């Protein structure tokens, strides 16, 4: 049986609906499992999730080379833990993609 093909607009709508605000504490398990990915604020989080879901390796590699998309480092995790950072997050299995919400805009 063939899996249904998800159209780009449907994929974007799906990821938009699944994007939410989370605290660092809610992300610690994903970090510990090595599946937490930081997305630069200059990129659209949902667009990156769509690229991950579509396995657009060349685009993802360009972003990784430019450090716009990267695994969360231990140093970032320590800073985020100590500052109580908040994020926009979306799951693009098997990864959890996050963008930090600037402190003045963080939820409490």
Protein backbone atom coordinates (compact mmCIF):
# COMPACT_ATOMS: atom_id res chain seq x y z
CA UNK A 1 0.00 0.00 0.00
CA UNK A 2 1.38 3.39 -0.98
CA UNK A 3 1.59 6.18 1.56
CA UNK A 4 -0.35 9.31 0.60
CA UNK A 5 1.80 12.12 -0.73
CA UNK A 6 1.56 15.23 1.41
CA UNK A 7 1.46 18.37 -0.70
CA UNK A 8 3.75 21.28 0.24
CA UNK A 9 0.85 23.49 1.34
CA UNK A 10 -0.55 20.67 3.48
CA UNK A 11 2.85 20.02 5.03
CA UNK A 12 3.30 23.70 5.85
CA UNK A 13 -0.20 23.85 7.37
CA UNK A 14 0.52 20.73 9.42
CA UNK A 15 3.80 22.10 10.81
CA UNK A 16 2.22 25.51 11.50
CA UNK A 17 -0.51 23.83 13.52
CA UNK A 18 2.05 21.76 15.45
CA UNK A 19 4.38 24.65 16.30
CA UNK A 20 4.21 25.86 19.87
CA UNK A 21 5.99 27.71 22.64
CA UNK A 22 7.97 25.62 25.09
CA UNK A 23 10.42 26.15 27.91
CA UNK A 24 13.91 24.73 28.07
CA UNK A 25 12.76 22.20 30.68
CA UNK A 26 10.38 20.70 28.13
CA UNK A 27 13.25 20.26 25.66
CA UNK A 28 15.87 18.70 27.92
CA UNK A 29 14.89 15.12 27.06
CA UNK A 30 15.17 15.83 23.32
CA UNK A 31 18.59 17.37 23.95
CA UNK A 32 19.68 14.33 25.96
CA UNK A 33 18.56 12.05 23.09
CA UNK A 34 20.56 14.13 20.59
CA UNK A 35 17.56 15.11 18.46
CA UNK A 36 17.31 18.80 19.36
CA UNK A 37 18.16 21.09 16.45
CA UNK A 38 18.65 24.86 16.71
CA UNK A 39 17.29 26.97 13.84
CA UNK A 40 18.67 30.49 13.37
CA UNK A 41 16.20 33.32 13.90
CA UNK A 42 16.81 34.43 10.32
CA UNK A 43 15.16 31.27 8.99
CA UNK A 44 11.50 30.32 8.98
CA UNK A 45 11.10 27.46 11.47
CA UNK A 46 8.23 25.88 9.53
CA UNK A 47 10.14 26.11 6.24
CA UNK A 48 13.07 24.29 7.83
CA UNK A 49 10.72 21.62 9.21
CA UNK A 50 9.31 21.14 5.69
CA UNK A 51 12.84 20.72 4.31
CA UNK A 52 13.61 18.11 6.96
CA UNK A 53 10.38 16.24 6.21
CA UNK A 54 11.08 16.31 2.46
CA UNK A 55 14.72 15.33 3.06
CA UNK A 56 16.07 18.30 1.11
CA UNK A 57 19.67 17.42 1.85
CA UNK A 58 21.35 20.14 -0.23
CA UNK A 59 19.36 22.97 1.35
CA UNK A 60 19.86 21.55 4.83
CA UNK A 61 23.59 21.12 4.21
CA UNK A 62 23.88 24.77 3.11
CA UNK A 63 22.16 25.90 6.31
CA UNK A 64 24.33 23.60 8.41
CA UNK A 65 27.51 24.86 6.76
CA UNK A 66 26.40 28.42 7.53
CA UNK A 67 25.58 27.33 11.15
CA UNK A 68 21.96 28.43 10.61
CA UNK A 69 20.80 24.92 11.46
CA UNK A 70 22.78 22.85 13.97
CA UNK A 71 22.57 20.35 16.76
CA UNK A 72 22.28 22.12 20.09
CA UNK A 73 25.68 22.26 21.77
CA UNK A 74 26.36 21.59 25.44
CA UNK A 75 27.28 25.27 25.84
CA UNK A 76 23.95 26.41 24.37
CA UNK A 77 22.09 23.97 26.59
CA UNK A 78 23.86 25.26 29.69
CA UNK A 79 23.08 28.89 28.82
CA UNK A 80 19.46 28.10 28.05
CA UNK A 81 19.12 26.12 31.28
CA UNK A 82 20.58 28.93 33.38
CA UNK A 83 18.50 31.66 31.74
CA UNK A 84 15.20 29.78 31.62
CA UNK A 85 14.96 30.31 27.86
CA UNK A 86 11.77 29.79 25.87
CA UNK A 87 11.40 28.63 22.29
CA UNK A 88 9.20 28.07 19.31
CA UNK A 89 9.37 24.34 18.63
CA UNK A 90 8.09 21.86 16.07
CA UNK A 91 8.69 18.15 15.62
CA UNK A 92 9.96 17.05 12.22
CA UNK A 93 10.51 13.42 13.19
CA UNK A 94 12.88 12.28 14.40
CA UNK A 95 14.06 15.81 15.22
CA UNK A 96 12.75 18.61 17.41
CA UNK A 97 13.49 21.98 15.78
CA UNK A 98 13.70 25.06 17.99
CA UNK A 99 14.15 28.81 17.70
CA UNK A 100 14.89 30.77 20.83
CA UNK A 101 12.38 33.49 21.70
CA UNK A 102 14.33 36.63 22.69
CA UNK A 103 14.18 37.22 26.47
CA UNK A 104 12.05 40.34 26.24
CA UNK A 105 9.43 38.33 24.31
CA UNK A 106 9.65 35.09 26.32
CA UNK A 107 6.60 33.71 28.05
CA UNK A 108 6.72 33.39 31.80
